[in-house]
Amino acid sequence: MNPKQTRRWHEFPDRTGLEQSALRFILESAEQAIAERGTFKLALAGGHTPFGIYQALCNAETDWSAWQVYFGDERCLPAENPRRNSRMARAAWLDHVPIPPAQIHTIPAELGPEEAARRYARELAEVGEFDLVLLGLGEDGHTVSLFPGGAWEQATSWPVAIPVFAAPKPPSQRVSLSPARLSQARRVLFLVGGDGKQQALTAWRNGAPIPASRICPPAGVDVFLHLCGHLATPSGKP
């Protein structure tokens, strides 16, 4: 259940450098995917760190008609609640670009964890690999809504989507894609900002089985970070 994760660390002196590099990474991934397969399948991260990147995407030059947007997790709140990841992404970016509405695949978390997980799993059944998955890192090492100590950690196999009932951060009920589904990706990019992440990053580097370490796509993951300390190893090394 926990294959070895290959990591490439990229440290930036400030948030601006991280956001500009992440924007290029996303758009290069989109260009390559559209050229090779005619579509770009992107799974989004929630939280505060990607907000500026999403805003910058409003001005990007790309074939928006080829984008298919998915979500890595969602909070079980009403659909228009501003704390929803989908609502944040819409306000910052998705409502301002011409991606066809049918190609923005929100998690119906307002239906509750179990029903939303079932429905999103069905929606993803024919999707295949994501071209790019964006992820964040919490101070406790969580990513999406995969928190340390959750029942998912003890599972012998993971479903596509996991209903979460006891998240340590409110709201307690959520839906998260599983490590197995998030690992079905050509590229995975972690976006890590803020001084409160040092302990989680140190544990990650030292091989602790934090939730972020469970995302193991064949090509490995890239970690873009900016912190006061210098925690990254040279690019390309685990």
C-alpha atoms as a PDB file:
ATOM      1  CA  MET A   1       0.000   0.000   0.000  1.00  0.00           C
ATOM      2  CA  ASN A   2       2.981   2.388   0.310  1.00  0.00           C
ATOM      3  CA  PRO A   3       5.324   2.195  -2.699  1.00  0.00           C
ATOM      4  CA  LYS A   4       8.404   4.386  -2.664  1.00  0.00           C
ATOM      5  CA  GLN A   5       7.777   7.953  -3.713  1.00  0.00           C
ATOM      6  CA  THR A   6      10.276   9.701  -5.990  1.00  0.00           C
ATOM      7  CA  ARG A   7      10.503  13.435  -5.226  1.00  0.00           C
ATOM      8  CA  ARG A   8      12.107  16.386  -7.005  1.00  0.00           C
ATOM      9  CA  TRP A   9      12.511  19.437  -4.762  1.00  0.00           C
ATOM     10  CA  HIS A  10      12.372  22.993  -6.145  1.00  0.00           C
ATOM     11  CA  GLU A  11      12.886  25.770  -3.592  1.00  0.00           C
ATOM     12  CA  PHE A  12      11.999  29.416  -4.296  1.00  0.00           C
ATOM     13  CA  PRO A  13      12.994  32.527  -2.347  1.00  0.00           C
ATOM     14  CA  ASP A  14       9.463  33.951  -2.289  1.00  0.00           C
ATOM     15  CA  ARG A  15       5.839  33.227  -3.136  1.00  0.00           C
ATOM     16  CA  THR A  16       6.065  35.168  -6.415  1.00  0.00           C
ATOM     17  CA  GLY A  17       8.779  32.892  -7.744  1.00  0.00           C
ATOM     18  CA  LEU A  18       6.834  29.792  -6.733  1.00  0.00           C
ATOM     19  CA  GLU A  19       3.624  31.039  -8.357  1.00  0.00           C
ATOM     20  CA  GLN A  20       5.304  32.058 -11.607  1.00  0.00           C
ATOM     21  CA  SER A  21       7.087  28.722 -11.904  1.00  0.00           C
ATOM     22  CA  ALA A  22       3.926  26.800 -11.041  1.00  0.00           C
ATOM     23  CA  LEU A  23       2.000  28.730 -13.682  1.00  0.00           C
ATOM     24  CA  ARG A  24       4.597  27.772 -16.303  1.00  0.00           C
ATOM     25  CA  PHE A  25       4.512  24.146 -15.126  1.00  0.00           C
ATOM     26  CA  ILE A  26       0.729  23.993 -15.482  1.00  0.00           C
ATOM     27  CA  LEU A  27       0.622  25.651 -18.893  1.00  0.00           C
ATOM     28  CA  GLU A  28       3.479  23.529 -20.256  1.00  0.00           C
ATOM     29  CA  SER A  29       1.646  20.419 -19.050  1.00  0.00           C
ATOM     30  CA  ALA A  30      -1.518  21.642 -20.757  1.00  0.00           C
ATOM     31  CA  GLU A  31       0.257  22.407 -24.018  1.00  0.00           C
ATOM     32  CA  GLN A  32       1.894  18.986 -24.116  1.00  0.00           C
ATOM     33  CA  ALA A  33      -1.286  17.104 -23.216  1.00  0.00           C
ATOM     34  CA  ILE A  34      -3.401  18.953 -25.782  1.00  0.00           C
ATOM     35  CA  ALA A  35      -0.788  18.435 -28.506  1.00  0.00           C
ATOM     36  CA  GLU A  36      -0.453  14.714 -27.759  1.00  0.00           C
ATOM     37  CA  ARG A  37      -3.986  13.711 -26.710  1.00  0.00           C
ATOM     38  CA  GLY A  38      -6.299  16.601 -27.560  1.00  0.00           C
ATOM     39  CA  THR A  39      -7.338  17.214 -23.961  1.00  0.00           C
ATOM     40  CA  PHE A  40      -5.845  18.316 -20.638  1.00  0.00           C
ATOM     41  CA  LYS A  41      -7.150  16.585 -17.515  1.00  0.00           C
ATOM     42  CA  LEU A  42      -6.251  18.575 -14.403  1.00  0.00           C
ATOM     43  CA  ALA A  43      -7.094  17.810 -10.762  1.00  0.00           C
ATOM     44  CA  LEU A  44      -7.076  20.880  -8.536  1.00  0.00           C
ATOM     45  CA  ALA A  45      -5.817  21.516  -5.027  1.00  0.00           C
ATOM     46  CA  GLY A  46      -7.791  23.550  -2.508  1.00  0.00           C
ATOM     47  CA  GLY A  47      -6.495  25.693   0.314  1.00  0.00           C
ATOM     48  CA  HIS A  48      -4.848  29.115   0.238  1.00  0.00           C
ATOM     49  CA  THR A  49      -1.534  28.376  -1.506  1.00  0.00           C
ATOM     50  CA  PRO A  50      -2.860  27.932  -5.088  1.00  0.00           C
ATOM     51  CA  PHE A  51      -5.169  30.980  -5.004  1.00  0.00           C
ATOM     52  CA  GLY A  52      -2.705  33.369  -6.661  1.00  0.00           C
ATOM     53  CA  ILE A  53      -1.833  30.760  -9.280  1.00  0.00           C
ATOM     54  CA  TYR A  54      -5.500  30.322 -10.135  1.00  0.00           C
ATOM     55  CA  GLN A  55      -5.887  34.083 -10.476  1.00  0.00           C
ATOM     56  CA  ALA A  56      -2.907  34.242 -12.833  1.00  0.00           C
ATOM     57  CA  LEU A  57      -4.446  31.544 -15.019  1.00  0.00           C
ATOM     58  CA  CYS A  58      -7.215  33.999 -15.932  1.00  0.00           C
ATOM     59  CA  ASN A  59      -4.756  35.714 -18.284  1.00  0.00           C
ATOM     60  CA  ALA A  60      -3.221  32.568 -19.766  1.00  0.00           C
ATOM     61  CA  GLU A  61      -3.219  31.872 -23.485  1.00  0.00           C
ATOM     62  CA  THR A  62      -4.371  28.290 -23.966  1.00  0.00           C
ATOM     63  CA  ASP A  63      -7.102  26.270 -25.640  1.00  0.00           C
ATOM     64  CA  TRP A  64      -9.603  26.370 -22.796  1.00  0.00           C
ATOM     65  CA  SER A  65     -12.022  24.191 -24.768  1.00  0.00           C
ATOM     66  CA  ALA A  66      -9.623  21.259 -24.261  1.00  0.00           C
ATOM     67  CA  TRP A  67      -9.406  21.552 -20.463  1.00  0.00           C
ATOM     68  CA  GLN A  68     -11.154  19.037 -18.201  1.00  0.00           C
ATOM     69  CA  VAL A  69     -11.046  20.173 -14.562  1.00  0.00           C
ATOM     70  CA  TYR A  70     -11.483  17.857 -11.570  1.00  0.00           C
ATOM     71  CA  PHE A  71     -11.025  18.292  -7.812  1.00  0.00           C
ATOM     72  CA  GLY A  72      -8.829  16.371  -5.408  1.00  0.00           C
ATOM     73  CA  ASP A  73     -11.170  16.879  -2.468  1.00  0.00           C
ATOM     74  CA  GLU A  74     -14.138  18.848  -1.250  1.00  0.00           C
ATOM     75  CA  ARG A  75     -15.781  19.963   1.966  1.00  0.00           C
ATOM     76  CA  CYS A  76     -19.336  18.795   2.645  1.00  0.00           C
ATOM     77  CA  LEU A  77     -20.935  22.219   2.585  1.00  0.00           C
ATOM     78  CA  PRO A  78     -23.647  23.781   0.401  1.00  0.00           C
ATOM     79  CA  ALA A  79     -22.568  24.153  -3.214  1.00  0.00           C
ATOM     80  CA  GLU A  80     -22.205  27.958  -3.064  1.00  0.00           C
ATOM     81  CA  ASN A  81     -20.488  28.097   0.312  1.00  0.00           C
ATOM     82  CA  PRO A  82     -17.300  30.198  -0.076  1.00  0.00           C
ATOM     83  CA  ARG A  83     -15.326  27.602   1.914  1.00  0.00           C
ATOM     84  CA  ARG A  84     -15.834  25.009  -0.811  1.00  0.00           C
ATOM     85  CA  ASN A  85     -12.720  24.307  -2.894  1.00  0.00           C
ATOM     86  CA  SER A  86     -14.825  24.482  -6.049  1.00  0.00           C
ATOM     87  CA  ARG A  87     -16.218  27.887  -5.053  1.00  0.00           C
ATOM     88  CA  MET A  88     -12.710  29.245  -4.408  1.00  0.00           C
ATOM     89  CA  ALA A  89     -11.460  27.985  -7.773  1.00  0.00           C
ATOM     90  CA  ARG A  90     -14.482  29.451  -9.556  1.00  0.00           C
ATOM     91  CA  ALA A  91     -14.122  32.850  -7.914  1.00  0.00           C
ATOM     92  CA  ALA A  92     -10.385  33.053  -8.562  1.00  0.00           C
ATOM     93  CA  TRP A  93     -10.295  31.584 -12.051  1.00  0.00           C
ATOM     94  CA  LEU A  94     -12.857  29.187 -13.511  1.00  0.00           C
ATOM     95  CA  ASP A  95     -15.717  31.702 -13.788  1.00  0.00           C
ATOM     96  CA  HIS A  96     -13.434  34.020 -15.792  1.00  0.00           C
ATOM     97  CA  VAL A  97     -12.264  31.710 -18.610  1.00  0.00           C
ATOM     98  CA  PRO A  98     -14.236  29.923 -21.358  1.00  0.00           C
ATOM     99  CA  ILE A  99     -13.908  26.338 -20.152  1.00  0.00           C
ATOM    100  CA  PRO A 100     -17.224  24.680 -21.110  1.00  0.00           C
ATOM    101  CA  PRO A 101     -19.252  24.248 -17.894  1.00  0.00           C
ATOM    102  CA  ALA A 102     -19.709  20.522 -18.556  1.00  0.00           C
ATOM    103  CA  GLN A 103     -15.918  20.158 -18.391  1.00  0.00           C
ATOM    104  CA  ILE A 104     -15.682  21.422 -14.801  1.00  0.00           C
ATOM    105  CA  HIS A 105     -16.338  18.336 -12.710  1.00  0.00           C
ATOM    106  CA  THR A 106     -17.168  19.357  -9.154  1.00  0.00           C
ATOM    107  CA  ILE A 107     -17.580  16.872  -6.311  1.00  0.00           C
ATOM    108  CA  PRO A 108     -21.242  16.906  -5.159  1.00  0.00           C
ATOM    109  CA  ALA A 109     -20.182  17.089  -1.516  1.00  0.00           C
ATOM    110  CA  GLU A 110     -23.422  18.791  -0.504  1.00  0.00           C
ATOM    111  CA  LEU A 111     -24.939  15.284  -0.721  1.00  0.00           C
ATOM    112  CA  GLY A 112     -22.805  14.009   2.155  1.00  0.00           C
ATOM    113  CA  PRO A 113     -19.527  12.061   2.171  1.00  0.00           C
ATOM    114  CA  GLU A 114     -20.753   8.604   1.139  1.00  0.00           C
ATOM    115  CA  GLU A 115     -23.098   9.596  -1.682  1.00  0.00           C
ATOM    116  CA  ALA A 116     -20.692  12.218  -3.025  1.00  0.00           C
ATOM    117  CA  ALA A 117     -17.812   9.712  -3.018  1.00  0.00           C
ATOM    118  CA  ARG A 118     -19.942   7.164  -4.885  1.00  0.00           C
ATOM    119  CA  ARG A 119     -21.023   9.646  -7.524  1.00  0.00           C
ATOM    120  CA  TYR A 120     -17.566  11.082  -8.099  1.00  0.00           C
ATOM    121  CA  ALA A 121     -16.076   7.607  -8.385  1.00  0.00           C
ATOM    122  CA  ARG A 122     -18.598   6.867 -11.128  1.00  0.00           C
ATOM    123  CA  GLU A 123     -17.741  10.105 -12.890  1.00  0.00           C
ATOM    124  CA  LEU A 124     -14.037   9.247 -12.838  1.00  0.00           C
ATOM    125  CA  ALA A 125     -14.505   5.655 -13.971  1.00  0.00           C
ATOM    126  CA  GLU A 126     -13.711   6.406 -17.632  1.00  0.00           C
ATOM    127  CA  VAL A 127     -11.307   9.296 -17.124  1.00  0.00           C
ATOM    128  CA  GLY A 128      -8.039   7.365 -17.028  1.00  0.00           C
ATOM    129  CA  GLU A 129      -4.834   9.118 -16.011  1.00  0.00           C
ATOM    130  CA  PHE A 130      -4.880  12.737 -15.001  1.00  0.00           C
ATOM    131  CA  ASP A 131      -2.367  14.779 -16.969  1.00  0.00           C
ATOM    132  CA  LEU A 132      -1.565  16.861 -13.882  1.00  0.00           C
ATOM    133  CA  VAL A 133      -2.568  16.712 -10.222  1.00  0.00           C
ATOM    134  CA  LEU A 134      -2.024  19.766  -8.004  1.00  0.00           C
ATOM    135  CA  LEU A 135      -1.650  19.102  -4.285  1.00  0.00           C
ATOM    136  CA  GLY A 136      -0.840  21.025  -1.119  1.00  0.00           C
ATOM    137  CA  LEU A 137       0.690  20.097   2.217  1.00  0.00           C
ATOM    138  CA  GLY A 138      -0.806  20.760   5.644  1.00  0.00           C
ATOM    139  CA  GLU A 139       1.139  21.422   8.806  1.00  0.00           C
ATOM    140  CA  ASP A 140       0.341  17.873   9.961  1.00  0.00           C
ATOM    141  CA  GLY A 141       1.460  16.342   6.643  1.00  0.00           C
ATOM    142  CA  HIS A 142      -2.022  15.938   5.200  1.00  0.00           C
ATOM    143  CA  THR A 143      -2.796  16.473   1.546  1.00  0.00           C
ATOM    144  CA  VAL A 144      -6.262  16.948   0.059  1.00  0.00           C
ATOM    145  CA  SER A 145      -8.490  15.554   2.856  1.00  0.00           C
ATOM    146  CA  LEU A 146      -6.210  12.642   3.688  1.00  0.00           C
ATOM    147  CA  PHE A 147      -5.380  13.360   7.329  1.00  0.00           C
ATOM    148  CA  PRO A 148      -2.980  11.402   9.553  1.00  0.00           C
ATOM    149  CA  GLY A 149      -4.717   8.749  11.601  1.00  0.00           C
ATOM    150  CA  GLY A 150      -7.706   8.450   9.292  1.00  0.00           C
ATOM    151  CA  ALA A 151      -9.349   5.102   8.630  1.00  0.00           C
ATOM    152  CA  TRP A 152      -8.014   5.232   5.057  1.00  0.00           C
ATOM    153  CA  GLU A 153      -4.472   4.599   6.372  1.00  0.00           C
ATOM    154  CA  GLN A 154      -5.444   1.122   7.603  1.00  0.00           C
ATOM    155  CA  ALA A 155      -7.264   0.058   4.439  1.00  0.00           C
ATOM    156  CA  THR A 156      -5.913  -2.901   2.474  1.00  0.00           C
ATOM    157  CA  SER A 157      -7.153  -1.326  -0.754  1.00  0.00           C
ATOM    158  CA  TRP A 158      -8.298   2.156  -1.631  1.00  0.00           C
ATOM    159  CA  PRO A 159     -11.428   3.133  -3.554  1.00  0.00           C
ATOM    160  CA  VAL A 160     -11.405   5.956  -6.070  1.00  0.00           C
ATOM    161  CA  ALA A 161     -12.947   8.430  -3.630  1.00  0.00           C
ATOM    162  CA  ILE A 162     -12.947   8.255   0.165  1.00  0.00           C
ATOM    163  CA  PRO A 163     -15.744   9.579   2.397  1.00  0.00           C
ATOM    164  CA  VAL A 164     -14.249  11.436   5.371  1.00  0.00           C
ATOM    165  CA  PHE A 165     -16.310  11.780   8.562  1.00  0.00           C
ATOM    166  CA  ALA A 166     -13.880  12.938  11.232  1.00  0.00           C
ATOM    167  CA  ALA A 167     -11.450  15.430   9.724  1.00  0.00           C
ATOM    168  CA  PRO A 168      -9.509  17.219  12.490  1.00  0.00           C
ATOM    169  CA  LYS A 169     -10.125  20.557  10.749  1.00  0.00           C
ATOM    170  CA  PRO A 170     -13.667  21.839  10.159  1.00  0.00           C
ATOM    171  CA  PRO A 171     -15.800  20.852   8.473  1.00  0.00           C
ATOM    172  CA  SER A 172     -15.356  17.305   9.736  1.00  0.00           C
ATOM    173  CA  GLN A 173     -17.181  15.744   6.764  1.00  0.00           C
ATOM    174  CA  ARG A 174     -15.394  15.758   3.420  1.00  0.00           C
ATOM    175  CA  VAL A 175     -14.696  13.751   0.276  1.00  0.00           C
ATOM    176  CA  SER A 176     -11.165  13.014  -0.931  1.00  0.00           C
ATOM    177  CA  LEU A 177      -9.695  11.211  -3.864  1.00  0.00           C
ATOM    178  CA  SER A 178      -7.631   8.296  -2.633  1.00  0.00           C
ATOM    179  CA  PRO A 179      -3.835   8.020  -2.863  1.00  0.00           C
ATOM    180  CA  ALA A 180      -4.293   5.336  -5.510  1.00  0.00           C
ATOM    181  CA  ARG A 181      -6.461   7.576  -7.708  1.00  0.00           C
ATOM    182  CA  LEU A 182      -4.260  10.624  -7.262  1.00  0.00           C
ATOM    183  CA  SER A 183      -1.269   8.491  -8.252  1.00  0.00           C
ATOM    184  CA  GLN A 184      -2.902   7.744 -11.609  1.00  0.00           C
ATOM    185  CA  ALA A 185      -1.287  10.829 -13.097  1.00  0.00           C
ATOM    186  CA  ARG A 186       1.380  11.721 -15.599  1.00  0.00           C
ATOM    187  CA  ARG A 187       2.608  14.580 -13.401  1.00  0.00           C
ATOM    188  CA  VAL A 188       1.985  15.576  -9.781  1.00  0.00           C
ATOM    189  CA  LEU A 189       2.925  18.992  -8.414  1.00  0.00           C
ATOM    190  CA  PHE A 190       2.901  19.811  -4.692  1.00  0.00           C
ATOM    191  CA  LEU A 191       2.625  23.513  -3.830  1.00  0.00           C
ATOM    192  CA  VAL A 192       4.027  24.225  -0.354  1.00  0.00           C
ATOM    193  CA  GLY A 193       4.174  27.683   1.187  1.00  0.00           C
ATOM    194  CA  GLY A 194       4.250  29.108   4.694  1.00  0.00           C
ATOM    195  CA  ASP A 195       6.601  28.812   7.645  1.00  0.00           C
ATOM    196  CA  GLY A 196       4.351  26.373   9.488  1.00  0.00           C
ATOM    197  CA  LYS A 197       5.234  23.555   7.100  1.00  0.00           C
ATOM    198  CA  GLN A 198       8.866  22.945   8.152  1.00  0.00           C
ATOM    199  CA  GLN A 199       8.111  20.077  10.516  1.00  0.00           C
ATOM    200  CA  ALA A 200       5.974  18.251   7.955  1.00  0.00           C
ATOM    201  CA  LEU A 201       8.590  18.773   5.257  1.00  0.00           C
ATOM    202  CA  THR A 202      11.368  17.480   7.483  1.00  0.00           C
ATOM    203  CA  ALA A 203       9.332  14.375   8.309  1.00  0.00           C
ATOM    204  CA  TRP A 204       8.606  13.887   4.605  1.00  0.00           C
ATOM    205  CA  ARG A 205      12.274  14.146   3.648  1.00  0.00           C
ATOM    206  CA  ASN A 206      13.238  11.731   6.410  1.00  0.00           C
ATOM    207  CA  GLY A 207      10.899   9.045   5.139  1.00  0.00           C
ATOM    208  CA  ALA A 208       8.038   9.362   7.613  1.00  0.00           C
ATOM    209  CA  PRO A 209       4.804   7.901   6.191  1.00  0.00           C
ATOM    210  CA  ILE A 210       2.882  11.188   6.216  1.00  0.00           C
ATOM    211  CA  PRO A 211      -0.176  11.277   3.938  1.00  0.00           C
ATOM    212  CA  ALA A 212       1.659  13.293   1.268  1.00  0.00           C
ATOM    213  CA  SER A 213       4.166  10.439   0.896  1.00  0.00           C
ATOM    214  CA  ARG A 214       1.400   8.074  -0.241  1.00  0.00           C
ATOM    215  CA  ILE A 215       0.994   9.781  -3.636  1.00  0.00           C
ATOM    216  CA  CYS A 216       3.283   7.709  -5.857  1.00  0.00           C
ATOM    217  CA  PRO A 217       2.789   8.259  -9.586  1.00  0.00           C
ATOM    218  CA  PRO A 218       5.194   6.360 -11.853  1.00  0.00           C
ATOM    219  CA  ALA A 219       7.046   9.539 -12.867  1.00  0.00           C
ATOM    220  CA  GLY A 220       7.418  10.796  -9.291  1.00  0.00           C
ATOM    221  CA  VAL A 221       6.312  14.124  -7.849  1.00  0.00           C
ATOM    222  CA  ASP A 222       7.626  17.672  -8.046  1.00  0.00           C
ATOM    223  CA  VAL A 223       7.563  19.785  -4.885  1.00  0.00           C
ATOM    224  CA  PHE A 224       7.595  23.584  -5.279  1.00  0.00           C
ATOM    225  CA  LEU A 225       8.228  25.271  -1.921  1.00  0.00           C
ATOM    226  CA  HIS A 226       9.165  28.545  -0.339  1.00  0.00           C
ATOM    227  CA  LEU A 227      10.093  28.703   3.340  1.00  0.00           C
ATOM    228  CA  CYS A 228      12.448  30.646   5.566  1.00  0.00           C
ATOM    229  CA  GLY A 229      14.696  27.596   6.040  1.00  0.00           C
ATOM    230  CA  HIS A 230      16.451  25.615   3.336  1.00  0.00           C
ATOM    231  CA  LEU A 231      14.826  22.194   3.540  1.00  0.00           C
ATOM    232  CA  ALA A 232      14.982  20.929   0.007  1.00  0.00           C
ATOM    233  CA  THR A 233      17.524  18.563  -1.425  1.00  0.00           C
ATOM    234  CA  PRO A 234      18.911  19.311  -4.909  1.00  0.00           C
ATOM    235  CA  SER A 235      16.404  18.899  -7.734  1.00  0.00           C
ATOM    236  CA  GLY A 236      16.033  15.336  -8.895  1.00  0.00           C
ATOM    237  CA  LYS A 237      17.023  13.694  -5.604  1.00  0.00           C
ATOM    238  CA  PRO A 238      14.492  12.014  -3.280  1.00  0.00           C
END
